[in-house]
Amino acid sequence: MPAPKSYKLTATVDNTKPKQNATIHLMVKGLPSGSYKSVFHYKSKDTVYTGTIGKSKAVKIGRAAKGYKVVIDVSSTYKGKKYTAKTSFTPK
């Protein structure tokens, strides 16, 4: 019996040093299909977004604190298994 295919969830942003009020695009890949939840850990609050794997998600970052690294935690479940990924950006 072949081993089950293993997947690796990946998350990237198209701009790791955006200006305030810019729109960045989060891309989540690595699973054949499904949706994901992403949590943007801003300095003042956490903001949750959902999206579809393989489709770019536009996120307006607003007045994110300059120089503060915003970590994005991404999670998705596929066939009962949970996958996680991380990416980040630092507004300038």
PDB file of N, CA and C in Angstrom:
ATOM      1  N   MET A   1       0.843  -1.183   0.000  1.00  0.00           N
ATOM      2  CA  MET A   1       0.000   0.000   0.000  1.00  0.00           C
ATOM      3  C   MET A   1       0.888   1.247   0.000  1.00  0.00           C
ATOM      4  N   PRO A   2       0.663   2.169  -0.915  1.00  0.00           N
ATOM      5  CA  PRO A   2       1.529   3.365  -0.947  1.00  0.00           C
ATOM      6  C   PRO A   2       1.276   4.268   0.260  1.00  0.00           C
ATOM      7  N   ALA A   3       2.297   4.952   0.679  1.00  0.00           N
ATOM      8  CA  ALA A   3       2.157   5.874   1.805  1.00  0.00           C
ATOM      9  C   ALA A   3       1.242   7.023   1.387  1.00  0.00           C
ATOM     10  N   PRO A   4       0.474   7.565   2.334  1.00  0.00           N
ATOM     11  CA  PRO A   4      -0.380   8.692   1.966  1.00  0.00           C
ATOM     12  C   PRO A   4       0.471   9.879   1.534  1.00  0.00           C
ATOM     13  N   LYS A   5      -0.026  10.601   0.555  1.00  0.00           N
ATOM     14  CA  LYS A   5       0.723  11.756   0.066  1.00  0.00           C
ATOM     15  C   LYS A   5       0.815  12.782   1.189  1.00  0.00           C
ATOM     16  N   SER A   6       1.986  13.337   1.373  1.00  0.00           N
ATOM     17  CA  SER A   6       2.093  14.351   2.420  1.00  0.00           C
ATOM     18  C   SER A   6       2.033  15.730   1.770  1.00  0.00           C
ATOM     19  N   TYR A   7       1.406  16.634   2.464  1.00  0.00           N
ATOM     20  CA  TYR A   7       1.238  17.996   1.968  1.00  0.00           C
ATOM     21  C   TYR A   7       1.937  18.951   2.907  1.00  0.00           C
ATOM     22  N   LYS A   8       2.338  20.083   2.352  1.00  0.00           N
ATOM     23  CA  LYS A   8       2.947  21.120   3.171  1.00  0.00           C
ATOM     24  C   LYS A   8       2.255  22.428   2.833  1.00  0.00           C
ATOM     25  N   LEU A   9       1.585  22.994   3.809  1.00  0.00           N
ATOM     26  CA  LEU A   9       0.912  24.270   3.614  1.00  0.00           C
ATOM     27  C   LEU A   9       1.968  25.369   3.583  1.00  0.00           C
ATOM     28  N   THR A  10       1.884  26.255   2.612  1.00  0.00           N
ATOM     29  CA  THR A  10       2.808  27.390   2.547  1.00  0.00           C
ATOM     30  C   THR A  10       2.012  28.677   2.421  1.00  0.00           C
ATOM     31  N   ALA A  11       2.548  29.730   2.994  1.00  0.00           N
ATOM     32  CA  ALA A  11       1.909  31.044   2.930  1.00  0.00           C
ATOM     33  C   ALA A  11       2.968  32.074   2.574  1.00  0.00           C
ATOM     34  N   THR A  12       2.642  32.949   1.633  1.00  0.00           N
ATOM     35  CA  THR A  12       3.560  34.022   1.256  1.00  0.00           C
ATOM     36  C   THR A  12       2.770  35.309   1.043  1.00  0.00           C
ATOM     37  N   VAL A  13       3.437  36.423   1.230  1.00  0.00           N
ATOM     38  CA  VAL A  13       2.845  37.713   0.885  1.00  0.00           C
ATOM     39  C   VAL A  13       3.656  38.297  -0.256  1.00  0.00           C
ATOM     40  N   ASP A  14       2.993  39.073  -1.110  1.00  0.00           N
ATOM     41  CA  ASP A  14       3.671  39.619  -2.282  1.00  0.00           C
ATOM     42  C   ASP A  14       4.529  40.835  -1.954  1.00  0.00           C
ATOM     43  N   ASN A  15       4.377  41.385  -0.748  1.00  0.00           N
ATOM     44  CA  ASN A  15       5.148  42.561  -0.374  1.00  0.00           C
ATOM     45  C   ASN A  15       5.466  42.451   1.114  1.00  0.00           C
ATOM     46  N   THR A  16       6.745  42.239   1.446  1.00  0.00           N
ATOM     47  CA  THR A  16       7.111  42.064   2.854  1.00  0.00           C
ATOM     48  C   THR A  16       7.420  43.392   3.543  1.00  0.00           C
ATOM     49  N   LYS A  17       7.461  44.490   2.760  1.00  0.00           N
ATOM     50  CA  LYS A  17       7.718  45.811   3.353  1.00  0.00           C
ATOM     51  C   LYS A  17       6.745  46.846   2.760  1.00  0.00           C
ATOM     52  N   PRO A  18       5.449  46.627   2.982  1.00  0.00           N
ATOM     53  CA  PRO A  18       4.469  47.555   2.401  1.00  0.00           C
ATOM     54  C   PRO A  18       4.416  48.882   3.150  1.00  0.00           C
ATOM     55  N   LYS A  19       3.894  49.902   2.500  1.00  0.00           N
ATOM     56  CA  LYS A  19       3.628  51.177   3.160  1.00  0.00           C
ATOM     57  C   LYS A  19       2.304  51.046   3.915  1.00  0.00           C
ATOM     58  N   GLN A  20       2.078  51.955   4.866  1.00  0.00           N
ATOM     59  CA  GLN A  20       0.802  51.958   5.575  1.00  0.00           C
ATOM     60  C   GLN A  20      -0.330  52.151   4.561  1.00  0.00           C
ATOM     61  N   ASN A  21      -1.485  51.583   4.866  1.00  0.00           N
ATOM     62  CA  ASN A  21      -2.681  51.645   4.021  1.00  0.00           C
ATOM     63  C   ASN A  21      -2.529  50.931   2.678  1.00  0.00           C
ATOM     64  N   ALA A  22      -1.462  50.184   2.504  1.00  0.00           N
ATOM     65  CA  ALA A  22      -1.268  49.435   1.257  1.00  0.00           C
ATOM     66  C   ALA A  22      -2.152  48.188   1.281  1.00  0.00           C
ATOM     67  N   THR A  23      -2.296  47.589   0.120  1.00  0.00           N
ATOM     68  CA  THR A  23      -2.976  46.308   0.026  1.00  0.00           C
ATOM     69  C   THR A  23      -1.924  45.264  -0.297  1.00  0.00           C
ATOM     70  N   ILE A  24      -1.846  44.232   0.517  1.00  0.00           N
ATOM     71  CA  ILE A  24      -0.923  43.129   0.240  1.00  0.00           C
ATOM     72  C   ILE A  24      -1.750  41.936  -0.212  1.00  0.00           C
ATOM     73  N   HIS A  25      -1.092  40.991  -0.827  1.00  0.00           N
ATOM     74  CA  HIS A  25      -1.782  39.792  -1.298  1.00  0.00           C
ATOM     75  C   HIS A  25      -1.178  38.564  -0.624  1.00  0.00           C
ATOM     76  N   LEU A  26      -2.027  37.864   0.099  1.00  0.00           N
ATOM     77  CA  LEU A  26      -1.623  36.647   0.784  1.00  0.00           C
ATOM     78  C   LEU A  26      -1.929  35.468  -0.131  1.00  0.00           C
ATOM     79  N   MET A  27      -0.931  34.608  -0.351  1.00  0.00           N
ATOM     80  CA  MET A  27      -1.127  33.419  -1.176  1.00  0.00           C
ATOM     81  C   MET A  27      -0.854  32.199  -0.322  1.00  0.00           C
ATOM     82  N   VAL A  28      -1.830  31.317  -0.247  1.00  0.00           N
ATOM     83  CA  VAL A  28      -1.701  30.086   0.529  1.00  0.00           C
ATOM     84  C   VAL A  28      -1.797  28.924  -0.447  1.00  0.00           C
ATOM     85  N   LYS A  29      -0.785  28.049  -0.405  1.00  0.00           N
ATOM     86  CA  LYS A  29      -0.725  26.908  -1.317  1.00  0.00           C
ATOM     87  C   LYS A  29      -0.344  25.653  -0.556  1.00  0.00           C
ATOM     88  N   GLY A  30      -0.327  24.543  -1.276  1.00  0.00           N
ATOM     89  CA  GLY A  30       0.205  23.313  -0.696  1.00  0.00           C
ATOM     90  C   GLY A  30      -0.818  22.225  -0.475  1.00  0.00           C
ATOM     91  N   LEU A  31      -2.092  22.571  -0.503  1.00  0.00           N
ATOM     92  CA  LEU A  31      -3.137  21.558  -0.373  1.00  0.00           C
ATOM     93  C   LEU A  31      -3.940  21.546  -1.675  1.00  0.00           C
ATOM     94  N   PRO A  32      -4.501  20.399  -2.038  1.00  0.00           N
ATOM     95  CA  PRO A  32      -5.223  20.302  -3.312  1.00  0.00           C
ATOM     96  C   PRO A  32      -6.447  21.220  -3.394  1.00  0.00           C
ATOM     97  N   SER A  33      -7.096  21.464  -2.258  1.00  0.00           N
ATOM     98  CA  SER A  33      -8.295  22.303  -2.286  1.00  0.00           C
ATOM     99  C   SER A  33      -8.649  22.698  -0.871  1.00  0.00           C
ATOM    100  N   GLY A  34      -9.679  23.499  -0.750  1.00  0.00           N
ATOM    101  CA  GLY A  34     -10.170  23.857   0.571  1.00  0.00           C
ATOM    102  C   GLY A  34     -10.005  25.317   0.890  1.00  0.00           C
ATOM    103  N   SER A  35     -10.332  25.646   2.125  1.00  0.00           N
ATOM    104  CA  SER A  35     -10.220  27.025   2.572  1.00  0.00           C
ATOM    105  C   SER A  35      -9.231  27.076   3.731  1.00  0.00           C
ATOM    106  N   TYR A  36      -8.859  28.283   4.099  1.00  0.00           N
ATOM    107  CA  TYR A  36      -7.933  28.456   5.217  1.00  0.00           C
ATOM    108  C   TYR A  36      -8.396  29.615   6.079  1.00  0.00           C
ATOM    109  N   LYS A  37      -7.843  29.667   7.265  1.00  0.00           N
ATOM    110  CA  LYS A  37      -8.050  30.793   8.172  1.00  0.00           C
ATOM    111  C   LYS A  37      -6.685  31.413   8.413  1.00  0.00           C
ATOM    112  N   SER A  38      -6.616  32.732   8.321  1.00  0.00           N
ATOM    113  CA  SER A  38      -5.349  33.412   8.618  1.00  0.00           C
ATOM    114  C   SER A  38      -5.599  34.441   9.714  1.00  0.00           C
ATOM    115  N   VAL A  39      -4.640  34.523  10.632  1.00  0.00           N
ATOM    116  CA  VAL A  39      -4.728  35.499  11.714  1.00  0.00           C
ATOM    117  C   VAL A  39      -3.536  36.445  11.586  1.00  0.00           C
ATOM    118  N   PHE A  40      -3.844  37.715  11.330  1.00  0.00           N
ATOM    119  CA  PHE A  40      -2.813  38.748  11.231  1.00  0.00           C
ATOM    120  C   PHE A  40      -2.627  39.318  12.638  1.00  0.00           C
ATOM    121  N   HIS A  41      -1.411  39.139  13.193  1.00  0.00           N
ATOM    122  CA  HIS A  41      -1.129  39.618  14.546  1.00  0.00           C
ATOM    123  C   HIS A  41      -0.536  41.026  14.474  1.00  0.00           C
ATOM    124  N   TYR A  42      -1.426  42.015  14.367  1.00  0.00           N
ATOM    125  CA  TYR A  42      -0.976  43.411  14.366  1.00  0.00           C
ATOM    126  C   TYR A  42      -0.569  43.814  15.778  1.00  0.00           C
ATOM    127  N   LYS A  43       0.120  44.953  15.891  1.00  0.00           N
ATOM    128  CA  LYS A  43       0.578  45.415  17.201  1.00  0.00           C
ATOM    129  C   LYS A  43      -0.607  45.653  18.134  1.00  0.00           C
ATOM    130  N   SER A  44      -1.695  46.211  17.618  1.00  0.00           N
ATOM    131  CA  SER A  44      -2.818  46.589  18.478  1.00  0.00           C
ATOM    132  C   SER A  44      -3.920  45.543  18.567  1.00  0.00           C
ATOM    133  N   LYS A  45      -4.006  44.642  17.588  1.00  0.00           N
ATOM    134  CA  LYS A  45      -5.086  43.652  17.607  1.00  0.00           C
ATOM    135  C   LYS A  45      -4.786  42.526  16.631  1.00  0.00           C
ATOM    136  N   ASP A  46      -5.563  41.467  16.734  1.00  0.00           N
ATOM    137  CA  ASP A  46      -5.487  40.358  15.775  1.00  0.00           C
ATOM    138  C   ASP A  46      -6.688  40.466  14.838  1.00  0.00           C
ATOM    139  N   THR A  47      -6.447  40.253  13.562  1.00  0.00           N
ATOM    140  CA  THR A  47      -7.525  40.289  12.586  1.00  0.00           C
ATOM    141  C   THR A  47      -7.550  38.959  11.848  1.00  0.00           C
ATOM    142  N   VAL A  48      -8.727  38.371  11.744  1.00  0.00           N
ATOM    143  CA  VAL A  48      -8.886  37.063  11.118  1.00  0.00           C
ATOM    144  C   VAL A  48      -9.473  37.221   9.716  1.00  0.00           C
ATOM    145  N   TYR A  49      -8.896  36.518   8.767  1.00  0.00           N
ATOM    146  CA  TYR A  49      -9.408  36.469   7.398  1.00  0.00           C
ATOM    147  C   TYR A  49      -9.524  35.007   6.997  1.00  0.00           C
ATOM    148  N   THR A  50     -10.452  34.736   6.101  1.00  0.00           N
ATOM    149  CA  THR A  50     -10.523  33.403   5.519  1.00  0.00           C
ATOM    150  C   THR A  50     -10.341  33.540   4.023  1.00  0.00           C
ATOM    151  N   GLY A  51      -9.886  32.474   3.411  1.00  0.00           N
ATOM    152  CA  GLY A  51      -9.665  32.508   1.974  1.00  0.00           C
ATOM    153  C   GLY A  51      -9.675  31.110   1.404  1.00  0.00           C
ATOM    154  N   THR A  52      -9.466  31.043   0.103  1.00  0.00           N
ATOM    155  CA  THR A  52      -9.454  29.774  -0.610  1.00  0.00           C
ATOM    156  C   THR A  52      -8.019  29.434  -0.998  1.00  0.00           C
ATOM    157  N   ILE A  53      -7.618  28.194  -0.751  1.00  0.00           N
ATOM    158  CA  ILE A  53      -6.265  27.767  -1.091  1.00  0.00           C
ATOM    159  C   ILE A  53      -6.045  27.897  -2.591  1.00  0.00           C
ATOM    160  N   GLY A  54      -4.902  28.491  -2.964  1.00  0.00           N
ATOM    161  CA  GLY A  54      -4.560  28.651  -4.365  1.00  0.00           C
ATOM    162  C   GLY A  54      -5.060  29.940  -4.989  1.00  0.00           C
ATOM    163  N   LYS A  55      -5.835  30.743  -4.223  1.00  0.00           N
ATOM    164  CA  LYS A  55      -6.321  32.026  -4.730  1.00  0.00           C
ATOM    165  C   LYS A  55      -5.727  33.143  -3.892  1.00  0.00           C
ATOM    166  N   SER A  56      -5.235  34.170  -4.560  1.00  0.00           N
ATOM    167  CA  SER A  56      -4.651  35.311  -3.868  1.00  0.00           C
ATOM    168  C   SER A  56      -5.727  36.048  -3.070  1.00  0.00           C
ATOM    169  N   LYS A  57      -5.397  36.417  -1.843  1.00  0.00           N
ATOM    170  CA  LYS A  57      -6.332  37.148  -0.975  1.00  0.00           C
ATOM    171  C   LYS A  57      -5.786  38.547  -0.753  1.00  0.00           C
ATOM    172  N   ALA A  58      -6.527  39.560  -1.218  1.00  0.00           N
ATOM    173  CA  ALA A  58      -6.104  40.952  -1.029  1.00  0.00           C
ATOM    174  C   ALA A  58      -6.479  41.400   0.378  1.00  0.00           C
ATOM    175  N   VAL A  59      -5.509  41.960   1.099  1.00  0.00           N
ATOM    176  CA  VAL A  59      -5.750  42.426   2.459  1.00  0.00           C
ATOM    177  C   VAL A  59      -5.240  43.856   2.576  1.00  0.00           C
ATOM    178  N   LYS A  60      -6.121  44.760   2.941  1.00  0.00           N
ATOM    179  CA  LYS A  60      -5.722  46.154   3.160  1.00  0.00           C
ATOM    180  C   LYS A  60      -5.192  46.242   4.581  1.00  0.00           C
ATOM    181  N   ILE A  61      -3.945  46.663   4.719  1.00  0.00           N
ATOM    182  CA  ILE A  61      -3.312  46.609   6.045  1.00  0.00           C
ATOM    183  C   ILE A  61      -3.612  47.835   6.900  1.00  0.00           C
ATOM    184  N   GLY A  62      -4.236  48.847   6.322  1.00  0.00           N
ATOM    185  CA  GLY A  62      -4.585  50.024   7.114  1.00  0.00           C
ATOM    186  C   GLY A  62      -3.358  50.702   7.686  1.00  0.00           C
ATOM    187  N   ARG A  63      -3.514  51.249   8.883  1.00  0.00           N
ATOM    188  CA  ARG A  63      -2.402  51.969   9.496  1.00  0.00           C
ATOM    189  C   ARG A  63      -1.603  51.045  10.413  1.00  0.00           C
ATOM    190  N   ALA A  64      -1.174  49.925   9.866  1.00  0.00           N
ATOM    191  CA  ALA A  64      -0.352  48.990  10.638  1.00  0.00           C
ATOM    192  C   ALA A  64       0.899  49.718  11.115  1.00  0.00           C
ATOM    193  N   ALA A  65       1.301  49.434  12.344  1.00  0.00           N
ATOM    194  CA  ALA A  65       2.434  50.133  12.956  1.00  0.00           C
ATOM    195  C   ALA A  65       3.710  49.953  12.129  1.00  0.00           C
ATOM    196  N   LYS A  66       4.343  51.074  11.785  1.00  0.00           N
ATOM    197  CA  LYS A  66       5.597  51.030  11.010  1.00  0.00           C
ATOM    198  C   LYS A  66       6.672  50.324  11.820  1.00  0.00           C
ATOM    199  N   GLY A  67       7.414  49.445  11.139  1.00  0.00           N
ATOM    200  CA  GLY A  67       8.528  48.777  11.791  1.00  0.00           C
ATOM    201  C   GLY A  67       8.128  47.619  12.690  1.00  0.00           C
ATOM    202  N   TYR A  68       6.821  47.361  12.852  1.00  0.00           N
ATOM    203  CA  TYR A  68       6.369  46.264  13.692  1.00  0.00           C
ATOM    204  C   TYR A  68       6.090  45.064  12.802  1.00  0.00           C
ATOM    205  N   LYS A  69       6.786  43.967  13.076  1.00  0.00           N
ATOM    206  CA  LYS A  69       6.629  42.756  12.257  1.00  0.00           C
ATOM    207  C   LYS A  69       5.266  42.122  12.522  1.00  0.00           C
ATOM    208  N   VAL A  70       4.448  42.070  11.492  1.00  0.00           N
ATOM    209  CA  VAL A  70       3.120  41.465  11.600  1.00  0.00           C
ATOM    210  C   VAL A  70       3.236  40.002  11.175  1.00  0.00           C
ATOM    211  N   VAL A  71       3.067  39.100  12.128  1.00  0.00           N
ATOM    212  CA  VAL A  71       3.140  37.674  11.840  1.00  0.00           C
ATOM    213  C   VAL A  71       1.740  37.197  11.449  1.00  0.00           C
ATOM    214  N   ILE A  72       1.686  36.373  10.418  1.00  0.00           N
ATOM    215  CA  ILE A  72       0.418  35.830   9.949  1.00  0.00           C
ATOM    216  C   ILE A  72       0.445  34.322  10.168  1.00  0.00           C
ATOM    217  N   ASP A  73      -0.464  33.839  10.997  1.00  0.00           N
ATOM    218  CA  ASP A  73      -0.604  32.397  11.231  1.00  0.00           C
ATOM    219  C   ASP A  73      -1.719  31.885  10.332  1.00  0.00           C
ATOM    220  N   VAL A  74      -1.415  30.866   9.555  1.00  0.00           N
ATOM    221  CA  VAL A  74      -2.393  30.303   8.628  1.00  0.00           C
ATOM    222  C   VAL A  74      -2.653  28.856   9.015  1.00  0.00           C
ATOM    223  N   SER A  75      -3.918  28.460   8.992  1.00  0.00           N
ATOM    224  CA  SER A  75      -4.243  27.062   9.277  1.00  0.00           C
ATOM    225  C   SER A  75      -5.342  26.584   8.337  1.00  0.00           C
ATOM    226  N   SER A  76      -5.279  25.306   8.021  1.00  0.00           N
ATOM    227  CA  SER A  76      -6.269  24.689   7.154  1.00  0.00           C
ATOM    228  C   SER A  76      -6.380  23.217   7.519  1.00  0.00           C
ATOM    229  N   THR A  77      -7.543  22.657   7.268  1.00  0.00           N
ATOM    230  CA  THR A  77      -7.746  21.230   7.517  1.00  0.00           C
ATOM    231  C   THR A  77      -8.084  20.561   6.191  1.00  0.00           C
ATOM    232  N   TYR A  78      -7.387  19.477   5.902  1.00  0.00           N
ATOM    233  CA  TYR A  78      -7.637  18.725   4.674  1.00  0.00           C
ATOM    234  C   TYR A  78      -7.715  17.252   5.025  1.00  0.00           C
ATOM    235  N   LYS A  79      -8.818  16.627   4.677  1.00  0.00           N
ATOM    236  CA  LYS A  79      -9.041  15.202   4.970  1.00  0.00           C
ATOM    237  C   LYS A  79      -8.778  14.898   6.446  1.00  0.00           C
ATOM    238  N   GLY A  80      -9.276  15.777   7.317  1.00  0.00           N
ATOM    239  CA  GLY A  80      -9.183  15.541   8.753  1.00  0.00           C
ATOM    240  C   GLY A  80      -7.858  15.876   9.397  1.00  0.00           C
ATOM    241  N   LYS A  81      -6.869  16.310   8.604  1.00  0.00           N
ATOM    242  CA  LYS A  81      -5.555  16.633   9.165  1.00  0.00           C
ATOM    243  C   LYS A  81      -5.356  18.143   9.124  1.00  0.00           C
ATOM    244  N   LYS A  82      -4.842  18.697  10.214  1.00  0.00           N
ATOM    245  CA  LYS A  82      -4.633  20.141  10.283  1.00  0.00           C
ATOM    246  C   LYS A  82      -3.229  20.500   9.797  1.00  0.00           C
ATOM    247  N   TYR A  83      -3.163  21.530   8.993  1.00  0.00           N
ATOM    248  CA  TYR A  83      -1.895  22.040   8.465  1.00  0.00           C
ATOM    249  C   TYR A  83      -1.754  23.491   8.886  1.00  0.00           C
ATOM    250  N   THR A  84      -0.512  23.894   9.153  1.00  0.00           N
ATOM    251  CA  THR A  84      -0.283  25.285   9.537  1.00  0.00           C
ATOM    252  C   THR A  84       0.910  25.843   8.774  1.00  0.00           C
ATOM    253  N   ALA A  85       0.928  27.159   8.652  1.00  0.00           N
ATOM    254  CA  ALA A  85       2.037  27.856   8.003  1.00  0.00           C
ATOM    255  C   ALA A  85       2.120  29.243   8.621  1.00  0.00           C
ATOM    256  N   LYS A  86       3.242  29.908   8.386  1.00  0.00           N
ATOM    257  CA  LYS A  86       3.463  31.263   8.885  1.00  0.00           C
ATOM    258  C   LYS A  86       4.124  32.091   7.803  1.00  0.00           C
ATOM    259  N   THR A  87       3.796  33.362   7.802  1.00  0.00           N
ATOM    260  CA  THR A  87       4.528  34.330   6.992  1.00  0.00           C
ATOM    261  C   THR A  87       4.443  35.648   7.741  1.00  0.00           C
ATOM    262  N   SER A  88       5.069  36.688   7.229  1.00  0.00           N
ATOM    263  CA  SER A  88       5.019  37.967   7.930  1.00  0.00           C
ATOM    264  C   SER A  88       5.339  39.108   6.979  1.00  0.00           C
ATOM    265  N   PHE A  89       5.047  40.318   7.458  1.00  0.00           N
ATOM    266  CA  PHE A  89       5.460  41.523   6.739  1.00  0.00           C
ATOM    267  C   PHE A  89       5.736  42.602   7.784  1.00  0.00           C
ATOM    268  N   THR A  90       6.527  43.588   7.399  1.00  0.00           N
ATOM    269  CA  THR A  90       6.852  44.695   8.298  1.00  0.00           C
ATOM    270  C   THR A  90       6.559  46.011   7.581  1.00  0.00           C
ATOM    271  N   PRO A  91       5.509  46.725   7.975  1.00  0.00           N
ATOM    272  CA  PRO A  91       5.197  48.003   7.315  1.00  0.00           C
ATOM    273  C   PRO A  91       6.333  48.991   7.462  1.00  0.00           C
ATOM    274  N   LYS A  92       6.518  49.813   6.442  1.00  0.00           N
ATOM    275  CA  LYS A  92       7.581  50.821   6.522  1.00  0.00           C
ATOM    276  C   LYS A  92       7.032  52.227   6.403  1.00  0.00           C
TER     277      LYS A  92
END
